[in-house]
Amino acid sequence: MREIKSEAITEAIARLCVQANRALPASLEDCIRNANETRPVSRPVMEDLCRNLDAARELGLPICQDTGMAVVFAQVGQEVHIDGDFTEAVNRGVRRGYVEGLLRCSVVADPLRRGNTGDNTPAVLHVSLVPGDKLTLTVAPKGFGSENMSRLKMFTPAASREDIIGFVAGTVKEAGGNPCPPVVLGVGIGGDFELCAKLAKEALCREVSVRNSDPYYADLEKEMLDAVNATGVGPQGFGGAVTALAVNIETYPTHIAGLPVAVNVGCHVTRHKSVTI
């Protein structure tokens, strides 16, 4: 049994919150810089996005003013013992990262009565047990301009491949410029109501250069990306060929009577940063 101090978790989370908000994953930045947008009104928009990435890096500032709600995925090794309260350690890290890192705090204490918590806590925490004696933490700050455009639909098994592609493309078309396209889409297929939404969120944490390991779903990712880009929404909603940068699909077995599909929309700064302790 390996012991991990709660303070080590707090320090790691605080660091990840700041790092994730200041720099994109390299594969996503490459997608933005190499996007083949030729529409005269939209090409300068893509160039502005690149300049924004450069400015954030040079000045040590967040890529986007919406530094998001902190979503934390934790893969906890079954041979790990955490010395202290794990959830509190994570929230201390978020508090430290957002307050000391001068990141915008956007979490309200109650969904209806509101009231900003002032430190971006609590985080949304997903914990899974895995073999081994390591702890892997991923912080994925999620802005709500894109989160608000996400959708979930409980299809029946009679739904076709084309129906699902249409649902994904329709979600993006309906969203228009609201999620700050070009977007990254996480698509969850299978499981049940809540699991397919979690799968979609997890899909956004996969590098955009990595396709689904199942060739069937890798092909479906490409078909969905083509369908989304065919909507013509374009960068920031000004029209054009680059509406989405990537579509990542994650799946799980489901019930014989159902076919849940969730689309988690990420903006062009779909951020995540990981560390293994």
Protein backbone atom coordinates (compact mmCIF):
# COMPACT_ATOMS: atom_id res chain seq x y z
CA MET A 1 0.00 0.00 0.00
CA ARG A 2 1.40 3.39 -1.03
CA GLU A 3 0.43 6.50 0.91
CA ILE A 4 -0.17 9.85 -0.77
CA LYS A 5 -0.47 12.94 1.39
CA SER A 6 -3.53 15.10 0.82
CA GLU A 7 -1.32 18.19 0.60
CA ALA A 8 0.43 16.68 -2.45
CA ILE A 9 -2.99 16.40 -4.09
CA THR A 10 -3.84 20.00 -3.21
CA GLU A 11 -0.56 21.27 -4.66
CA ALA A 12 -1.03 19.26 -7.85
CA ILE A 13 -4.60 20.46 -8.40
CA ALA A 14 -3.65 24.10 -7.79
CA ARG A 15 -0.84 23.85 -10.33
CA LEU A 16 -3.04 22.08 -12.91
CA CYS A 17 -5.78 24.72 -12.63
CA VAL A 18 -3.34 27.46 -13.58
CA GLN A 19 -1.50 25.48 -16.25
CA ALA A 20 -4.68 24.28 -17.96
CA ASN A 21 -6.03 27.81 -18.20
CA ARG A 22 -2.85 29.31 -19.65
CA ALA A 23 -1.93 26.88 -22.42
CA LEU A 24 -3.80 24.51 -24.73
CA PRO A 25 -2.79 20.90 -25.34
CA ALA A 26 -0.22 20.96 -28.15
CA SER A 27 -2.37 18.86 -30.49
CA LEU A 28 -5.30 21.28 -30.22
CA GLU A 29 -3.09 24.32 -30.71
CA ASP A 30 -1.72 22.66 -33.86
CA CYS A 31 -5.28 22.18 -35.13
CA ILE A 32 -6.04 25.85 -34.66
CA ARG A 33 -2.82 27.04 -36.28
CA ASN A 34 -3.17 24.70 -39.25
CA ALA A 35 -6.92 25.11 -39.83
CA ASN A 36 -7.67 25.47 -43.51
CA GLU A 37 -10.13 28.36 -43.41
CA THR A 38 -10.17 30.35 -46.65
CA ARG A 39 -13.35 32.46 -46.33
CA PRO A 40 -12.17 36.09 -46.41
CA VAL A 41 -14.20 37.19 -43.39
CA SER A 42 -13.31 34.09 -41.33
CA ARG A 43 -9.61 33.57 -42.04
CA PRO A 44 -8.68 36.68 -39.99
CA VAL A 45 -10.72 35.26 -37.11
CA MET A 46 -8.51 32.16 -37.04
CA GLU A 47 -5.44 34.40 -37.14
CA ASP A 48 -6.81 36.34 -34.15
CA LEU A 49 -7.22 33.08 -32.23
CA CYS A 50 -3.57 32.28 -32.89
CA ARG A 51 -2.49 35.73 -31.71
CA ASN A 52 -4.55 35.22 -28.57
CA LEU A 53 -2.70 31.96 -27.83
CA ASP A 54 0.62 33.75 -28.29
CA ALA A 55 -0.39 36.61 -25.99
CA ALA A 56 -1.56 34.24 -23.24
CA ARG A 57 1.76 32.40 -23.38
CA GLU A 58 3.91 35.55 -23.47
CA LEU A 59 2.02 37.38 -20.71
CA GLY A 60 1.23 34.39 -18.49
CA LEU A 61 -2.49 35.08 -18.75
CA PRO A 62 -5.51 32.79 -19.21
CA ILE A 63 -6.35 31.90 -22.82
CA CYS A 64 -9.98 32.86 -22.18
CA GLN A 65 -11.62 35.19 -19.67
CA ASP A 66 -14.00 32.35 -18.73
CA THR A 67 -11.61 30.19 -16.71
CA GLY A 68 -14.40 27.70 -16.24
CA MET A 69 -15.83 25.43 -13.63
CA ALA A 70 -13.12 23.05 -12.46
CA VAL A 71 -13.91 19.50 -13.60
CA VAL A 72 -11.53 16.98 -12.06
CA PHE A 73 -11.07 13.37 -13.12
CA ALA A 74 -9.19 11.20 -10.64
CA GLN A 75 -7.95 7.70 -11.41
CA VAL A 76 -7.07 6.25 -8.02
CA GLY A 77 -4.90 3.15 -7.86
CA GLN A 78 -6.35 0.39 -5.71
CA GLU A 79 -3.06 0.19 -3.83
CA VAL A 80 -3.13 3.87 -2.88
CA HIS A 81 -4.02 5.15 0.57
CA ILE A 82 -4.80 8.88 0.73
CA ASP A 83 -3.80 10.49 3.99
CA GLY A 84 -6.64 12.94 4.58
CA ASP A 85 -9.95 13.94 3.01
CA PHE A 86 -9.57 13.47 -0.75
CA THR A 87 -12.52 15.66 -1.81
CA GLU A 88 -11.44 18.47 0.48
CA ALA A 89 -7.87 18.19 -0.80
CA VAL A 90 -9.14 18.63 -4.37
CA ASN A 91 -11.27 21.64 -3.43
CA ARG A 92 -8.40 23.22 -1.50
CA GLY A 93 -6.34 22.88 -4.66
CA VAL A 94 -9.02 24.51 -6.80
CA ARG A 95 -9.37 27.30 -4.25
CA ARG A 96 -5.63 27.90 -4.19
CA GLY A 97 -5.23 27.68 -7.96
CA TYR A 98 -8.06 30.07 -8.78
CA VAL A 99 -7.48 32.64 -6.02
CA GLU A 100 -3.67 32.73 -6.01
CA GLY A 101 -3.52 32.22 -9.79
CA LEU A 102 -5.85 35.22 -10.27
CA LEU A 103 -8.32 33.17 -12.31
CA ARG A 104 -11.96 34.22 -12.61
CA CYS A 105 -14.18 32.53 -10.03
CA SER A 106 -17.49 31.58 -11.62
CA VAL A 107 -19.17 29.04 -9.31
CA VAL A 108 -22.36 29.92 -7.44
CA ALA A 109 -23.31 28.19 -4.20
CA ASP A 110 -26.88 27.37 -5.18
CA PRO A 111 -28.25 26.82 -8.72
CA LEU A 112 -31.39 28.92 -8.14
CA ARG A 113 -30.49 31.31 -5.31
CA ARG A 114 -27.03 31.86 -6.83
CA GLY A 115 -24.36 33.68 -4.75
CA ASN A 116 -20.74 33.36 -5.93
CA THR A 117 -18.61 31.14 -3.68
CA GLY A 118 -15.67 33.45 -4.34
CA ASP A 119 -13.07 30.73 -4.91
CA ASN A 120 -14.51 28.58 -7.74
CA THR A 121 -15.30 25.68 -5.42
CA PRO A 122 -16.68 23.13 -5.26
CA ALA A 123 -15.16 21.28 -8.19
CA VAL A 124 -17.03 18.66 -10.17
CA LEU A 125 -15.14 15.52 -9.16
CA HIS A 126 -15.24 12.15 -10.94
CA VAL A 127 -13.35 9.31 -9.23
CA SER A 128 -12.58 5.89 -10.66
CA LEU A 129 -10.59 3.00 -9.18
CA VAL A 130 -7.85 1.51 -11.33
CA PRO A 131 -5.13 -1.10 -10.74
CA GLY A 132 -1.79 0.00 -9.34
CA ASP A 133 -0.30 2.41 -6.80
CA LYS A 134 -0.52 5.69 -8.73
CA LEU A 135 -2.95 8.59 -8.70
CA THR A 136 -3.68 10.39 -11.98
CA LEU A 137 -5.40 13.76 -11.80
CA THR A 138 -6.86 15.63 -14.77
CA VAL A 139 -8.21 19.16 -14.45
CA ALA A 140 -10.50 20.24 -17.28
CA PRO A 141 -11.77 23.81 -16.76
CA LYS A 142 -15.14 24.08 -18.53
CA GLY A 143 -16.49 27.40 -19.70
CA PHE A 144 -20.24 27.63 -19.95
CA GLY A 145 -20.62 29.42 -23.27
CA SER A 146 -19.96 26.02 -24.80
CA GLU A 147 -21.34 23.91 -21.93
CA ASN A 148 -24.75 25.56 -22.32
CA MET A 149 -24.93 24.36 -25.93
CA SER A 150 -24.51 20.68 -25.00
CA ARG A 151 -27.36 18.20 -25.50
CA LEU A 152 -28.40 14.68 -24.58
CA LYS A 153 -30.95 12.52 -26.36
CA MET A 154 -32.34 9.12 -25.43
CA PHE A 155 -32.60 7.48 -28.84
CA THR A 156 -34.27 4.12 -29.33
CA PRO A 157 -32.24 1.24 -30.80
CA ALA A 158 -34.04 1.89 -34.10
CA ALA A 159 -31.96 5.03 -34.58
CA SER A 160 -29.56 4.81 -37.51
CA ARG A 161 -25.96 5.91 -37.80
CA GLU A 162 -27.23 8.81 -39.91
CA ASP A 163 -29.72 9.81 -37.17
CA ILE A 164 -26.91 10.10 -34.64
CA ILE A 165 -24.67 12.04 -37.01
CA GLY A 166 -27.59 14.37 -37.71
CA PHE A 167 -28.15 14.93 -33.99
CA VAL A 168 -24.51 15.87 -33.46
CA ALA A 169 -24.38 18.17 -36.48
CA GLY A 170 -27.76 19.68 -35.57
CA THR A 171 -26.53 20.45 -32.06
CA VAL A 172 -23.69 22.52 -33.49
CA LYS A 173 -25.82 24.22 -36.14
CA GLU A 174 -28.41 25.22 -33.57
CA ALA A 175 -25.68 26.58 -31.29
CA GLY A 176 -24.32 28.86 -34.02
CA GLY A 177 -21.63 31.21 -32.74
CA ASN A 178 -22.58 30.84 -29.05
CA PRO A 179 -19.93 28.23 -28.12
CA CYS A 180 -17.10 30.25 -29.76
CA PRO A 181 -16.41 27.92 -32.69
CA PRO A 182 -14.40 26.24 -34.02
CA VAL A 183 -15.49 23.71 -31.44
CA VAL A 184 -14.26 20.40 -30.11
CA LEU A 185 -17.03 17.85 -29.56
CA GLY A 186 -17.08 15.09 -27.00
CA VAL A 187 -19.71 12.49 -27.87
CA GLY A 188 -20.82 9.81 -25.42
CA ILE A 189 -22.75 6.84 -26.78
CA GLY A 190 -24.22 4.14 -24.58
CA GLY A 191 -24.47 3.53 -20.86
CA ASP A 192 -27.49 5.22 -19.32
CA PHE A 193 -28.71 8.80 -18.89
CA GLU A 194 -25.92 10.06 -16.67
CA LEU A 195 -23.08 7.84 -17.90
CA CYS A 196 -23.35 8.91 -21.55
CA ALA A 197 -22.97 12.54 -20.42
CA LYS A 198 -19.86 11.62 -18.41
CA LEU A 199 -18.47 9.76 -21.42
CA ALA A 200 -18.93 12.90 -23.53
CA LYS A 201 -17.03 14.95 -20.96
CA GLU A 202 -14.25 12.36 -20.81
CA ALA A 203 -14.04 12.42 -24.59
CA LEU A 204 -13.12 16.11 -24.45
CA CYS A 205 -10.06 15.15 -22.38
CA ARG A 206 -8.65 12.94 -25.13
CA GLU A 207 -6.01 14.51 -27.34
CA VAL A 208 -7.58 15.66 -30.60
CA SER A 209 -4.80 13.91 -32.53
CA VAL A 210 -5.86 10.51 -31.13
CA ARG A 211 -8.72 8.69 -32.80
CA ASN A 212 -10.97 6.10 -31.18
CA SER A 213 -9.15 2.76 -30.95
CA ASP A 214 -12.11 0.98 -32.59
CA PRO A 215 -11.95 1.59 -36.38
CA TYR A 216 -15.75 1.68 -36.55
CA TYR A 217 -15.93 4.61 -34.15
CA ALA A 218 -12.81 6.24 -35.61
CA ASP A 219 -14.66 6.34 -38.94
CA LEU A 220 -17.75 7.70 -37.21
CA GLU A 221 -15.68 10.48 -35.64
CA LYS A 222 -14.57 11.52 -39.12
CA GLU A 223 -18.10 11.37 -40.53
CA MET A 224 -19.39 13.51 -37.66
CA LEU A 225 -16.58 16.03 -38.12
CA ASP A 226 -17.32 16.29 -41.84
CA ALA A 227 -21.06 16.73 -41.15
CA VAL A 228 -20.44 19.43 -38.55
CA ASN A 229 -18.09 21.35 -40.84
CA ALA A 230 -20.64 21.07 -43.64
CA THR A 231 -23.05 23.18 -41.54
CA GLY A 232 -21.02 26.24 -42.52
CA VAL A 233 -21.27 27.88 -39.08
CA GLY A 234 -17.58 28.70 -39.28
CA PRO A 235 -15.14 30.43 -36.91
CA GLN A 236 -17.02 32.43 -34.27
CA GLY A 237 -20.20 31.94 -36.31
CA PHE A 238 -19.03 34.08 -39.27
CA GLY A 239 -19.41 31.21 -41.72
CA GLY A 240 -16.79 29.03 -43.33
CA ALA A 241 -15.34 25.54 -43.55
CA VAL A 242 -13.88 25.23 -40.02
CA THR A 243 -16.75 24.86 -37.57
CA ALA A 244 -15.18 22.01 -35.58
CA LEU A 245 -11.58 21.00 -34.99
CA ALA A 246 -12.26 17.46 -33.78
CA VAL A 247 -14.93 15.00 -32.69
CA ASN A 248 -14.01 12.46 -30.00
CA ILE A 249 -16.34 9.55 -29.25
CA GLU A 250 -16.38 7.37 -26.12
CA THR A 251 -18.76 4.43 -25.76
CA TYR A 252 -20.11 2.00 -23.17
CA PRO A 253 -22.49 -1.00 -23.32
CA THR A 254 -26.15 -0.09 -22.92
CA HIS A 255 -29.60 -1.60 -22.36
CA ILE A 256 -31.34 -3.50 -25.17
CA ALA A 257 -34.15 -0.91 -25.16
CA GLY A 258 -32.01 2.22 -25.28
CA LEU A 259 -29.37 4.21 -27.13
CA PRO A 260 -28.34 7.30 -25.14
CA VAL A 261 -26.24 9.90 -26.96
CA ALA A 262 -24.70 12.99 -25.36
CA VAL A 263 -22.87 15.83 -27.08
CA ASN A 264 -20.62 17.91 -24.83
CA VAL A 265 -19.62 21.00 -26.75
CA GLY A 266 -16.17 22.43 -26.11
CA CYS A 267 -15.01 25.79 -27.46
CA HIS A 268 -11.76 26.35 -29.35
CA VAL A 269 -9.99 26.50 -25.96
CA THR A 270 -11.04 23.06 -24.75
CA ARG A 271 -8.53 22.76 -21.93
CA HIS A 272 -7.19 19.95 -19.80
CA LYS A 273 -3.98 19.14 -17.97
CA SER A 274 -2.95 15.91 -16.20
CA VAL A 275 -0.36 14.67 -13.76
CA THR A 276 0.39 11.29 -12.22
CA ILE A 277 1.53 11.14 -8.61
